[in-house]
Amino acid sequence: MMNGTERKNIRPGVKVKVIQKPHQRTGQLTEGVVKDILTSSPIHHRGIKVRLTDGIVGRVQEVLE
């Protein structure tokens, strides 16, 4: 399992678990496939922000592939 805080680990088509803004307190993760990478910096301490193929936006917590 790769870390979701480094942009180099994430690319479109990769399966990830993200945390959405409303779920930050509960820690509920959503699984999906990356469509777009929204964070431009190479590293983000809370996770790289992505848009999944179903339109959900969140920060990557785990890279599954």
PDB file of N, CA and C in Angstrom:
ATOM      1  N   MET A   1       0.844  -1.187   0.000  1.00  0.00           N
ATOM      2  CA  MET A   1       0.000   0.000   0.000  1.00  0.00           C
ATOM      3  C   MET A   1       0.888   1.250   0.000  1.00  0.00           C
ATOM      4  N   MET A   2       0.628   2.132  -0.962  1.00  0.00           N
ATOM      5  CA  MET A   2       1.424   3.358  -1.077  1.00  0.00           C
ATOM      6  C   MET A   2       0.749   4.511  -0.344  1.00  0.00           C
ATOM      7  N   ASN A   3       1.558   5.503  -0.048  1.00  0.00           N
ATOM      8  CA  ASN A   3       1.130   6.688   0.671  1.00  0.00           C
ATOM      9  C   ASN A   3       0.395   7.647  -0.265  1.00  0.00           C
ATOM     10  N   GLY A   4      -0.703   8.242   0.195  1.00  0.00           N
ATOM     11  CA  GLY A   4      -1.482   9.173  -0.612  1.00  0.00           C
ATOM     12  C   GLY A   4      -1.040  10.618  -0.512  1.00  0.00           C
ATOM     13  N   THR A   5       0.091  10.872   0.193  1.00  0.00           N
ATOM     14  CA  THR A   5       0.540  12.259   0.348  1.00  0.00           C
ATOM     15  C   THR A   5       1.509  12.676  -0.760  1.00  0.00           C
ATOM     16  N   GLU A   6       1.971  11.734  -1.592  1.00  0.00           N
ATOM     17  CA  GLU A   6       2.914  12.052  -2.662  1.00  0.00           C
ATOM     18  C   GLU A   6       2.232  11.906  -4.018  1.00  0.00           C
ATOM     19  N   ARG A   7       2.316  12.993  -4.807  1.00  0.00           N
ATOM     20  CA  ARG A   7       1.644  13.038  -6.113  1.00  0.00           C
ATOM     21  C   ARG A   7       2.182  11.977  -7.072  1.00  0.00           C
ATOM     22  N   LYS A   8       3.472  11.617  -6.950  1.00  0.00           N
ATOM     23  CA  LYS A   8       4.083  10.644  -7.867  1.00  0.00           C
ATOM     24  C   LYS A   8       3.443   9.258  -7.761  1.00  0.00           C
ATOM     25  N   ASN A   9       2.777   8.959  -6.630  1.00  0.00           N
ATOM     26  CA  ASN A   9       2.137   7.656  -6.429  1.00  0.00           C
ATOM     27  C   ASN A   9       0.748   7.562  -7.048  1.00  0.00           C
ATOM     28  N   ILE A  10       0.231   8.695  -7.526  1.00  0.00           N
ATOM     29  CA  ILE A  10      -1.166   8.770  -7.964  1.00  0.00           C
ATOM     30  C   ILE A  10      -1.229   9.176  -9.421  1.00  0.00           C
ATOM     31  N   ARG A  11      -2.044   8.461 -10.191  1.00  0.00           N
ATOM     32  CA  ARG A  11      -2.263   8.815 -11.589  1.00  0.00           C
ATOM     33  C   ARG A  11      -3.672   8.379 -11.975  1.00  0.00           C
ATOM     34  N   PRO A  12      -4.243   8.970 -13.032  1.00  0.00           N
ATOM     35  CA  PRO A  12      -5.584   8.578 -13.457  1.00  0.00           C
ATOM     36  C   PRO A  12      -5.661   7.064 -13.724  1.00  0.00           C
ATOM     37  N   GLY A  13      -6.757   6.458 -13.292  1.00  0.00           N
ATOM     38  CA  GLY A  13      -6.966   5.029 -13.478  1.00  0.00           C
ATOM     39  C   GLY A  13      -6.570   4.178 -12.288  1.00  0.00           C
ATOM     40  N   VAL A  14      -5.916   4.779 -11.276  1.00  0.00           N
ATOM     41  CA  VAL A  14      -5.472   4.034 -10.094  1.00  0.00           C
ATOM     42  C   VAL A  14      -6.604   3.991  -9.064  1.00  0.00           C
ATOM     43  N   LYS A  15      -6.776   2.833  -8.421  1.00  0.00           N
ATOM     44  CA  LYS A  15      -7.789   2.677  -7.375  1.00  0.00           C
ATOM     45  C   LYS A  15      -7.238   3.206  -6.052  1.00  0.00           C
ATOM     46  N   VAL A  16      -8.027   4.054  -5.385  1.00  0.00           N
ATOM     47  CA  VAL A  16      -7.595   4.702  -4.147  1.00  0.00           C
ATOM     48  C   VAL A  16      -8.734   4.725  -3.134  1.00  0.00           C
ATOM     49  N   LYS A  17      -8.379   5.052  -1.879  1.00  0.00           N
ATOM     50  CA  LYS A  17      -9.370   5.380  -0.852  1.00  0.00           C
ATOM     51  C   LYS A  17      -9.158   6.840  -0.497  1.00  0.00           C
ATOM     52  N   VAL A  18     -10.251   7.624  -0.557  1.00  0.00           N
ATOM     53  CA  VAL A  18     -10.172   9.059  -0.263  1.00  0.00           C
ATOM     54  C   VAL A  18     -11.045   9.384   0.940  1.00  0.00           C
ATOM     55  N   ILE A  19     -10.729  10.505   1.568  1.00  0.00           N
ATOM     56  CA  ILE A  19     -11.596  11.043   2.618  1.00  0.00           C
ATOM     57  C   ILE A  19     -12.199  12.328   2.083  1.00  0.00           C
ATOM     58  N   GLN A  20     -13.534  12.424   2.143  1.00  0.00           N
ATOM     59  CA  GLN A  20     -14.233  13.614   1.685  1.00  0.00           C
ATOM     60  C   GLN A  20     -14.295  14.634   2.819  1.00  0.00           C
ATOM     61  N   LYS A  21     -14.410  15.911   2.460  1.00  0.00           N
ATOM     62  CA  LYS A  21     -14.444  17.002   3.441  1.00  0.00           C
ATOM     63  C   LYS A  21     -15.487  16.748   4.542  1.00  0.00           C
ATOM     64  N   PRO A  22     -16.735  16.372   4.217  1.00  0.00           N
ATOM     65  CA  PRO A  22     -17.731  16.169   5.288  1.00  0.00           C
ATOM     66  C   PRO A  22     -17.408  14.994   6.222  1.00  0.00           C
ATOM     67  N   HIS A  23     -16.534  14.078   5.791  1.00  0.00           N
ATOM     68  CA  HIS A  23     -16.226  12.881   6.571  1.00  0.00           C
ATOM     69  C   HIS A  23     -14.906  12.974   7.334  1.00  0.00           C
ATOM     70  N   GLN A  24     -14.278  14.154   7.352  1.00  0.00           N
ATOM     71  CA  GLN A  24     -12.977  14.277   8.003  1.00  0.00           C
ATOM     72  C   GLN A  24     -13.046  13.981   9.501  1.00  0.00           C
ATOM     73  N   ARG A  25     -14.129  14.345  10.152  1.00  0.00           N
ATOM     74  CA  ARG A  25     -14.267  14.071  11.593  1.00  0.00           C
ATOM     75  C   ARG A  25     -14.452  12.583  11.873  1.00  0.00           C
ATOM     76  N   THR A  26     -15.229  11.895  11.013  1.00  0.00           N
ATOM     77  CA  THR A  26     -15.530  10.473  11.240  1.00  0.00           C
ATOM     78  C   THR A  26     -14.436   9.562  10.699  1.00  0.00           C
ATOM     79  N   GLY A  27     -13.687  10.041   9.695  1.00  0.00           N
ATOM     80  CA  GLY A  27     -12.642   9.222   9.089  1.00  0.00           C
ATOM     81  C   GLY A  27     -13.174   8.216   8.087  1.00  0.00           C
ATOM     82  N   GLN A  28     -14.431   8.387   7.651  1.00  0.00           N
ATOM     83  CA  GLN A  28     -15.036   7.458   6.687  1.00  0.00           C
ATOM     84  C   GLN A  28     -14.353   7.598   5.323  1.00  0.00           C
ATOM     85  N   LEU A  29     -13.849   6.475   4.793  1.00  0.00           N
ATOM     86  CA  LEU A  29     -13.149   6.478   3.511  1.00  0.00           C
ATOM     87  C   LEU A  29     -14.074   6.009   2.390  1.00  0.00           C
ATOM     88  N   THR A  30     -13.848   6.569   1.202  1.00  0.00           N
ATOM     89  CA  THR A  30     -14.597   6.195   0.014  1.00  0.00           C
ATOM     90  C   THR A  30     -13.616   5.620  -0.998  1.00  0.00           C
ATOM     91  N   GLU A  31     -13.944   4.468  -1.561  1.00  0.00           N
ATOM     92  CA  GLU A  31     -13.062   3.818  -2.528  1.00  0.00           C
ATOM     93  C   GLU A  31     -13.513   4.182  -3.942  1.00  0.00           C
ATOM     94  N   GLY A  32     -12.531   4.404  -4.825  1.00  0.00           N
ATOM     95  CA  GLY A  32     -12.871   4.726  -6.199  1.00  0.00           C
ATOM     96  C   GLY A  32     -11.626   4.779  -7.070  1.00  0.00           C
ATOM     97  N   VAL A  33     -11.856   5.160  -8.336  1.00  0.00           N
ATOM     98  CA  VAL A  33     -10.784   5.226  -9.326  1.00  0.00           C
ATOM     99  C   VAL A  33     -10.533   6.695  -9.674  1.00  0.00           C
ATOM    100  N   VAL A  34      -9.256   7.089  -9.682  1.00  0.00           N
ATOM    101  CA  VAL A  34      -8.878   8.485  -9.938  1.00  0.00           C
ATOM    102  C   VAL A  34      -9.197   8.868 -11.384  1.00  0.00           C
ATOM    103  N   LYS A  35      -9.885  10.019 -11.531  1.00  0.00           N
ATOM    104  CA  LYS A  35     -10.125  10.595 -12.854  1.00  0.00           C
ATOM    105  C   LYS A  35      -9.177  11.775 -13.090  1.00  0.00           C
ATOM    106  N   ASP A  36      -9.133  12.704 -12.108  1.00  0.00           N
ATOM    107  CA  ASP A  36      -8.287  13.902 -12.217  1.00  0.00           C
ATOM    108  C   ASP A  36      -7.529  14.117 -10.912  1.00  0.00           C
ATOM    109  N   ILE A  37      -6.304  14.638 -11.023  1.00  0.00           N
ATOM    110  CA  ILE A  37      -5.519  15.036  -9.850  1.00  0.00           C
ATOM    111  C   ILE A  37      -5.674  16.544  -9.712  1.00  0.00           C
ATOM    112  N   LEU A  38      -6.155  17.001  -8.552  1.00  0.00           N
ATOM    113  CA  LEU A  38      -6.453  18.423  -8.358  1.00  0.00           C
ATOM    114  C   LEU A  38      -5.353  19.181  -7.627  1.00  0.00           C
ATOM    115  N   THR A  39      -4.488  18.470  -6.899  1.00  0.00           N
ATOM    116  CA  THR A  39      -3.377  19.116  -6.187  1.00  0.00           C
ATOM    117  C   THR A  39      -2.182  19.228  -7.131  1.00  0.00           C
ATOM    118  N   SER A  40      -1.622  20.435  -7.238  1.00  0.00           N
ATOM    119  CA  SER A  40      -0.495  20.624  -8.163  1.00  0.00           C
ATOM    120  C   SER A  40       0.863  20.395  -7.498  1.00  0.00           C
ATOM    121  N   SER A  41       0.935  20.545  -6.163  1.00  0.00           N
ATOM    122  CA  SER A  41       2.229  20.377  -5.492  1.00  0.00           C
ATOM    123  C   SER A  41       2.609  18.890  -5.410  1.00  0.00           C
ATOM    124  N   PRO A  42       3.915  18.570  -5.356  1.00  0.00           N
ATOM    125  CA  PRO A  42       4.353  17.172  -5.347  1.00  0.00           C
ATOM    126  C   PRO A  42       3.996  16.419  -4.068  1.00  0.00           C
ATOM    127  N   ILE A  43       3.842  17.152  -2.944  1.00  0.00           N
ATOM    128  CA  ILE A  43       3.517  16.522  -1.657  1.00  0.00           C
ATOM    129  C   ILE A  43       2.480  17.389  -0.937  1.00  0.00           C
ATOM    130  N   HIS A  44       1.499  16.738  -0.311  1.00  0.00           N
ATOM    131  CA  HIS A  44       0.557  17.448   0.545  1.00  0.00           C
ATOM    132  C   HIS A  44       0.349  16.613   1.794  1.00  0.00           C
ATOM    133  N   HIS A  45       0.580  17.199   2.973  1.00  0.00           N
ATOM    134  CA  HIS A  45       0.589  16.430   4.225  1.00  0.00           C
ATOM    135  C   HIS A  45      -0.751  15.782   4.568  1.00  0.00           C
ATOM    136  N   ARG A  46      -1.882  16.322   4.075  1.00  0.00           N
ATOM    137  CA  ARG A  46      -3.187  15.720   4.381  1.00  0.00           C
ATOM    138  C   ARG A  46      -3.663  14.780   3.273  1.00  0.00           C
ATOM    139  N   GLY A  47      -2.878  14.678   2.190  1.00  0.00           N
ATOM    140  CA  GLY A  47      -3.266  13.813   1.071  1.00  0.00           C
ATOM    141  C   GLY A  47      -3.502  14.616  -0.188  1.00  0.00           C
ATOM    142  N   ILE A  48      -3.153  14.027  -1.322  1.00  0.00           N
ATOM    143  CA  ILE A  48      -3.338  14.677  -2.618  1.00  0.00           C
ATOM    144  C   ILE A  48      -4.831  14.704  -2.946  1.00  0.00           C
ATOM    145  N   LYS A  49      -5.343  15.863  -3.343  1.00  0.00           N
ATOM    146  CA  LYS A  49      -6.765  15.992  -3.662  1.00  0.00           C
ATOM    147  C   LYS A  49      -7.013  15.495  -5.087  1.00  0.00           C
ATOM    148  N   VAL A  50      -8.018  14.628  -5.233  1.00  0.00           N
ATOM    149  CA  VAL A  50      -8.357  14.049  -6.532  1.00  0.00           C
ATOM    150  C   VAL A  50      -9.862  14.076  -6.755  1.00  0.00           C
ATOM    151  N   ARG A  51     -10.255  13.943  -8.027  1.00  0.00           N
ATOM    152  CA  ARG A  51     -11.655  13.717  -8.396  1.00  0.00           C
ATOM    153  C   ARG A  51     -11.737  12.284  -8.899  1.00  0.00           C
ATOM    154  N   LEU A  52     -12.684  11.519  -8.358  1.00  0.00           N
ATOM    155  CA  LEU A  52     -12.870  10.136  -8.783  1.00  0.00           C
ATOM    156  C   LEU A  52     -13.777  10.080 -10.007  1.00  0.00           C
ATOM    157  N   THR A  53     -13.832   8.908 -10.658  1.00  0.00           N
ATOM    158  CA  THR A  53     -14.623   8.756 -11.880  1.00  0.00           C
ATOM    159  C   THR A  53     -16.111   9.017 -11.644  1.00  0.00           C
ATOM    160  N   ASP A  54     -16.587   8.830 -10.406  1.00  0.00           N
ATOM    161  CA  ASP A  54     -18.007   9.090 -10.104  1.00  0.00           C
ATOM    162  C   ASP A  54     -18.260  10.528  -9.641  1.00  0.00           C
ATOM    163  N   GLY A  55     -17.219  11.393  -9.705  1.00  0.00           N
ATOM    164  CA  GLY A  55     -17.386  12.809  -9.400  1.00  0.00           C
ATOM    165  C   GLY A  55     -17.056  13.203  -7.968  1.00  0.00           C
ATOM    166  N   ILE A  56     -16.811  12.229  -7.097  1.00  0.00           N
ATOM    167  CA  ILE A  56     -16.468  12.523  -5.701  1.00  0.00           C
ATOM    168  C   ILE A  56     -15.080  13.152  -5.629  1.00  0.00           C
ATOM    169  N   VAL A  57     -14.946  14.224  -4.828  1.00  0.00           N
ATOM    170  CA  VAL A  57     -13.658  14.885  -4.611  1.00  0.00           C
ATOM    171  C   VAL A  57     -13.224  14.607  -3.176  1.00  0.00           C
ATOM    172  N   GLY A  58     -11.964  14.216  -3.018  1.00  0.00           N
ATOM    173  CA  GLY A  58     -11.446  13.970  -1.680  1.00  0.00           C
ATOM    174  C   GLY A  58      -9.934  13.880  -1.693  1.00  0.00           C
ATOM    175  N   ARG A  59      -9.361  13.732  -0.501  1.00  0.00           N
ATOM    176  CA  ARG A  59      -7.914  13.608  -0.369  1.00  0.00           C
ATOM    177  C   ARG A  59      -7.538  12.137  -0.220  1.00  0.00           C
ATOM    178  N   VAL A  60      -6.530  11.704  -0.985  1.00  0.00           N
ATOM    179  CA  VAL A  60      -6.128  10.304  -1.005  1.00  0.00           C
ATOM    180  C   VAL A  60      -5.510   9.922   0.336  1.00  0.00           C
ATOM    181  N   GLN A  61      -6.024   8.867   0.948  1.00  0.00           N
ATOM    182  CA  GLN A  61      -5.487   8.321   2.180  1.00  0.00           C
ATOM    183  C   GLN A  61      -4.685   7.048   1.902  1.00  0.00           C
ATOM    184  N   GLU A  62      -5.138   6.261   0.916  1.00  0.00           N
ATOM    185  CA  GLU A  62      -4.461   5.012   0.558  1.00  0.00           C
ATOM    186  C   GLU A  62      -4.498   4.831  -0.944  1.00  0.00           C
ATOM    187  N   VAL A  63      -3.375   4.343  -1.500  1.00  0.00           N
ATOM    188  CA  VAL A  63      -3.306   3.949  -2.904  1.00  0.00           C
ATOM    189  C   VAL A  63      -3.372   2.422  -2.927  1.00  0.00           C
ATOM    190  N   LEU A  64      -4.368   1.857  -3.597  1.00  0.00           N
ATOM    191  CA  LEU A  64      -4.632   0.428  -3.510  1.00  0.00           C
ATOM    192  C   LEU A  64      -3.910  -0.407  -4.578  1.00  0.00           C
ATOM    193  N   GLU A  65      -3.463   0.215  -5.674  1.00  0.00           N
ATOM    194  CA  GLU A  65      -2.789  -0.551  -6.739  1.00  0.00           C
ATOM    195  C   GLU A  65      -1.345  -0.119  -6.849  1.00  0.00           C
TER     196      GLU A  65
END
